[in-house]
Structure formats: structure tokens, C-alpha cells
Amino acid sequence: MMHEDSIQLLIEMDKKDIAFLVGLMEAYDEFAVVRTVDQSRGLVELICSPDYMQEVRYLLDSLKNEMPLRVLEKPGVKP
């Protein structure tokens, strides 16, 4: 069960970059937990506290310049 105060973002990326994203989130003081939804499609879910949402979005925007990455829409969450 997901804590109701957490925010979930669905990310589509190259499957070879998933491990890098996991390591990056761990290195940044656990900004978000990364959960692989479908490895073959490169779908991961980031689960983060609302307190870290600004930092997570900034990090994702920066990563878009380095690798193919797309934030997909989820109900109630703006990409």
C-alpha cells in the first residue's frame, strides 16, 4: 500500500538506463524510490515525498538532456 502523501511519477526510458537512474536517486539522498514497472518497455515509477518533488522534477529535466526520458501522465499528477 502506498502512503497517501507520496507522489508517483511514471517514467519511460531506455531500459539500459534504469540502473543508472536507481543509483542516481540513491546518491541524491533517496529523493525517490525507483520501482521497475516493465523492464522490457523501460517503464519505471518514481515514488517521492511532496517535499522532494521540486528537486526530482529538476533532476528529471536535467536528465532529459543526457538520455531519452519521458514523464508519462498518471491520474491526478501533472507530468
N, C-alpha and C. Protein backbone atom coordinates (compact mmCIF):
# COMPACT_ATOMS: atom_id res chain seq x y z
N MET A 1 0.84 -1.18 0.00
CA MET A 1 0.00 0.00 0.00
C MET A 1 0.88 1.24 0.00
N MET A 2 0.54 2.21 -0.86
CA MET A 2 1.30 3.43 -1.00
C MET A 2 0.82 4.45 0.03
N HIS A 3 1.76 5.14 0.65
CA HIS A 3 1.40 6.20 1.58
C HIS A 3 0.68 7.30 0.81
N GLU A 4 -0.41 7.80 1.35
CA GLU A 4 -1.23 8.76 0.60
C GLU A 4 -0.53 10.09 0.37
N ASP A 5 0.52 10.38 1.11
CA ASP A 5 1.24 11.63 0.90
C ASP A 5 2.36 11.51 -0.12
N SER A 6 2.59 10.32 -0.65
CA SER A 6 3.65 10.16 -1.64
C SER A 6 3.12 10.50 -3.03
N ILE A 7 4.06 10.85 -3.90
CA ILE A 7 3.73 11.19 -5.29
C ILE A 7 4.39 10.14 -6.17
N GLN A 8 3.65 9.64 -7.14
CA GLN A 8 4.18 8.65 -8.06
C GLN A 8 4.26 9.24 -9.47
N LEU A 9 5.42 9.10 -10.08
CA LEU A 9 5.62 9.54 -11.46
C LEU A 9 5.97 8.32 -12.30
N LEU A 10 5.32 8.16 -13.42
CA LEU A 10 5.62 7.07 -14.34
C LEU A 10 6.59 7.60 -15.39
N ILE A 11 7.71 6.92 -15.53
CA ILE A 11 8.78 7.36 -16.43
C ILE A 11 9.01 6.30 -17.49
N GLU A 12 9.14 6.75 -18.74
CA GLU A 12 9.52 5.87 -19.84
C GLU A 12 10.93 6.23 -20.25
N MET A 13 11.80 5.24 -20.27
CA MET A 13 13.20 5.49 -20.60
C MET A 13 13.80 4.25 -21.25
N ASP A 14 15.02 4.40 -21.76
CA ASP A 14 15.72 3.25 -22.33
C ASP A 14 16.02 2.28 -21.19
N LYS A 15 15.71 1.02 -21.39
CA LYS A 15 15.86 0.04 -20.31
C LYS A 15 17.30 -0.07 -19.82
N LYS A 16 18.27 0.26 -20.67
CA LYS A 16 19.66 0.19 -20.24
C LYS A 16 20.02 1.28 -19.24
N ASP A 17 19.18 2.31 -19.13
CA ASP A 17 19.45 3.43 -18.22
C ASP A 17 18.75 3.29 -16.86
N ILE A 18 17.97 2.24 -16.66
CA ILE A 18 17.22 2.09 -15.41
C ILE A 18 18.16 1.99 -14.21
N ALA A 19 19.19 1.17 -14.30
CA ALA A 19 20.13 1.02 -13.18
C ALA A 19 20.81 2.34 -12.85
N PHE A 20 21.12 3.13 -13.87
CA PHE A 20 21.73 4.44 -13.65
C PHE A 20 20.78 5.34 -12.86
N LEU A 21 19.50 5.35 -13.24
CA LEU A 21 18.51 6.16 -12.54
C LEU A 21 18.37 5.73 -11.08
N VAL A 22 18.36 4.43 -10.83
CA VAL A 22 18.28 3.92 -9.46
C VAL A 22 19.47 4.43 -8.64
N GLY A 23 20.67 4.28 -9.18
CA GLY A 23 21.87 4.75 -8.49
C GLY A 23 21.87 6.24 -8.26
N LEU A 24 21.38 6.98 -9.23
CA LEU A 24 21.33 8.44 -9.10
C LEU A 24 20.38 8.86 -7.98
N MET A 25 19.22 8.24 -7.93
CA MET A 25 18.26 8.58 -6.87
C MET A 25 18.80 8.20 -5.49
N GLU A 26 19.52 7.09 -5.42
CA GLU A 26 20.14 6.70 -4.15
C GLU A 26 21.22 7.70 -3.75
N ALA A 27 22.01 8.15 -4.72
CA ALA A 27 23.09 9.10 -4.45
C ALA A 27 22.57 10.46 -4.00
N TYR A 28 21.41 10.84 -4.47
CA TYR A 28 20.81 12.12 -4.08
C TYR A 28 19.94 11.95 -2.84
N ASP A 29 20.48 11.33 -1.82
CA ASP A 29 19.80 11.19 -0.52
C ASP A 29 18.39 10.63 -0.63
N GLU A 30 18.24 9.63 -1.51
CA GLU A 30 16.93 8.96 -1.62
C GLU A 30 15.80 9.93 -1.94
N PHE A 31 16.03 10.84 -2.92
CA PHE A 31 14.96 11.75 -3.36
C PHE A 31 13.70 10.97 -3.70
N ALA A 32 13.91 9.81 -4.33
CA ALA A 32 12.77 9.00 -4.75
C ALA A 32 13.16 7.53 -4.75
N VAL A 33 12.18 6.69 -4.55
CA VAL A 33 12.36 5.25 -4.69
C VAL A 33 11.99 4.91 -6.13
N VAL A 34 12.82 4.12 -6.78
CA VAL A 34 12.55 3.72 -8.16
C VAL A 34 12.03 2.29 -8.16
N ARG A 35 10.89 2.10 -8.79
CA ARG A 35 10.28 0.77 -8.91
C ARG A 35 10.12 0.47 -10.39
N THR A 36 10.68 -0.66 -10.83
CA THR A 36 10.55 -1.05 -12.23
C THR A 36 9.15 -1.62 -12.46
N VAL A 37 8.43 -1.01 -13.39
CA VAL A 37 7.07 -1.45 -13.72
C VAL A 37 7.13 -2.49 -14.83
N ASP A 38 7.89 -2.20 -15.90
CA ASP A 38 8.03 -3.12 -17.03
C ASP A 38 9.41 -2.90 -17.63
N GLN A 39 10.35 -3.74 -17.27
CA GLN A 39 11.73 -3.57 -17.71
C GLN A 39 11.86 -3.62 -19.23
N SER A 40 11.13 -4.51 -19.88
CA SER A 40 11.25 -4.65 -21.33
C SER A 40 10.81 -3.39 -22.07
N ARG A 41 9.89 -2.63 -21.47
CA ARG A 41 9.42 -1.38 -22.08
C ARG A 41 10.13 -0.15 -21.51
N GLY A 42 10.98 -0.34 -20.51
CA GLY A 42 11.67 0.78 -19.90
C GLY A 42 10.75 1.66 -19.06
N LEU A 43 9.76 1.06 -18.42
CA LEU A 43 8.82 1.81 -17.59
C LEU A 43 9.20 1.66 -16.12
N VAL A 44 9.40 2.80 -15.47
CA VAL A 44 9.69 2.81 -14.05
C VAL A 44 8.77 3.81 -13.36
N GLU A 45 8.59 3.60 -12.08
CA GLU A 45 7.78 4.52 -11.29
C GLU A 45 8.69 5.13 -10.23
N LEU A 46 8.65 6.45 -10.13
CA LEU A 46 9.35 7.13 -9.05
C LEU A 46 8.34 7.44 -7.97
N ILE A 47 8.68 7.10 -6.75
CA ILE A 47 7.80 7.36 -5.61
C ILE A 47 8.57 8.32 -4.71
N CYS A 48 8.00 9.51 -4.50
CA CYS A 48 8.72 10.50 -3.72
C CYS A 48 7.79 11.27 -2.79
N SER A 49 8.40 11.89 -1.83
CA SER A 49 7.68 12.76 -0.91
C SER A 49 7.39 14.08 -1.62
N PRO A 50 6.26 14.71 -1.33
CA PRO A 50 5.98 16.03 -1.90
C PRO A 50 7.09 17.04 -1.57
N ASP A 51 7.78 16.82 -0.45
CA ASP A 51 8.86 17.72 -0.05
C ASP A 51 10.02 17.71 -1.05
N TYR A 52 10.20 16.61 -1.77
CA TYR A 52 11.29 16.48 -2.73
C TYR A 52 10.85 16.62 -4.19
N MET A 53 9.59 16.92 -4.42
CA MET A 53 9.07 16.94 -5.78
C MET A 53 9.80 17.94 -6.68
N GLN A 54 10.08 19.12 -6.17
CA GLN A 54 10.77 20.14 -6.98
C GLN A 54 12.15 19.64 -7.40
N GLU A 55 12.89 19.03 -6.47
CA GLU A 55 14.22 18.52 -6.78
C GLU A 55 14.16 17.36 -7.77
N VAL A 56 13.18 16.48 -7.60
CA VAL A 56 13.03 15.34 -8.51
C VAL A 56 12.73 15.83 -9.92
N ARG A 57 11.82 16.78 -10.05
CA ARG A 57 11.49 17.32 -11.39
C ARG A 57 12.70 18.01 -12.02
N TYR A 58 13.46 18.76 -11.23
CA TYR A 58 14.66 19.42 -11.74
C TYR A 58 15.66 18.38 -12.23
N LEU A 59 15.85 17.33 -11.44
CA LEU A 59 16.78 16.27 -11.83
C LEU A 59 16.32 15.57 -13.11
N LEU A 60 15.02 15.28 -13.22
CA LEU A 60 14.50 14.64 -14.43
C LEU A 60 14.66 15.55 -15.64
N ASP A 61 14.40 16.84 -15.48
CA ASP A 61 14.58 17.78 -16.59
C ASP A 61 16.04 17.81 -17.04
N SER A 62 16.96 17.76 -16.09
CA SER A 62 18.39 17.74 -16.43
C SER A 62 18.76 16.45 -17.15
N LEU A 63 18.20 15.33 -16.69
CA LEU A 63 18.50 14.04 -17.32
C LEU A 63 18.00 13.96 -18.76
N LYS A 64 16.93 14.69 -19.06
CA LYS A 64 16.38 14.68 -20.43
C LYS A 64 17.41 15.17 -21.44
N ASN A 65 18.39 15.96 -20.99
CA ASN A 65 19.45 16.44 -21.87
C ASN A 65 20.53 15.38 -22.08
N GLU A 66 20.53 14.36 -21.24
CA GLU A 66 21.57 13.33 -21.29
C GLU A 66 21.10 12.00 -21.86
N MET A 67 19.79 11.73 -21.75
CA MET A 67 19.27 10.42 -22.18
C MET A 67 17.81 10.56 -22.57
N PRO A 68 17.31 9.64 -23.40
CA PRO A 68 15.88 9.67 -23.72
C PRO A 68 15.07 9.31 -22.47
N LEU A 69 14.17 10.20 -22.09
CA LEU A 69 13.39 10.02 -20.88
C LEU A 69 12.11 10.82 -21.02
N ARG A 70 11.00 10.22 -20.62
CA ARG A 70 9.71 10.91 -20.75
C ARG A 70 8.87 10.62 -19.52
N VAL A 71 8.32 11.68 -18.93
CA VAL A 71 7.40 11.53 -17.81
C VAL A 71 6.00 11.35 -18.40
N LEU A 72 5.37 10.24 -18.06
CA LEU A 72 4.03 9.94 -18.57
C LEU A 72 2.99 10.42 -17.57
N GLU A 73 1.80 10.68 -18.07
CA GLU A 73 0.73 11.15 -17.20
C GLU A 73 0.18 10.02 -16.34
N LYS A 74 -0.12 10.35 -15.11
CA LYS A 74 -0.83 9.44 -14.21
C LYS A 74 -2.02 10.22 -13.67
N PRO A 75 -3.10 9.57 -13.36
CA PRO A 75 -4.27 10.28 -12.84
C PRO A 75 -3.92 11.12 -11.62
N GLY A 76 -4.26 12.40 -11.67
CA GLY A 76 -4.03 13.29 -10.54
C GLY A 76 -2.63 13.85 -10.43
N VAL A 77 -1.74 13.51 -11.37
CA VAL A 77 -0.36 14.01 -11.33
C VAL A 77 -0.04 14.63 -12.68
N LYS A 78 0.42 15.88 -12.65
CA LYS A 78 0.81 16.55 -13.89
C LYS A 78 2.25 16.19 -14.21
N PRO A 79 2.54 15.82 -15.48
CA PRO A 79 3.91 15.46 -15.84
C PRO A 79 4.83 16.67 -15.85
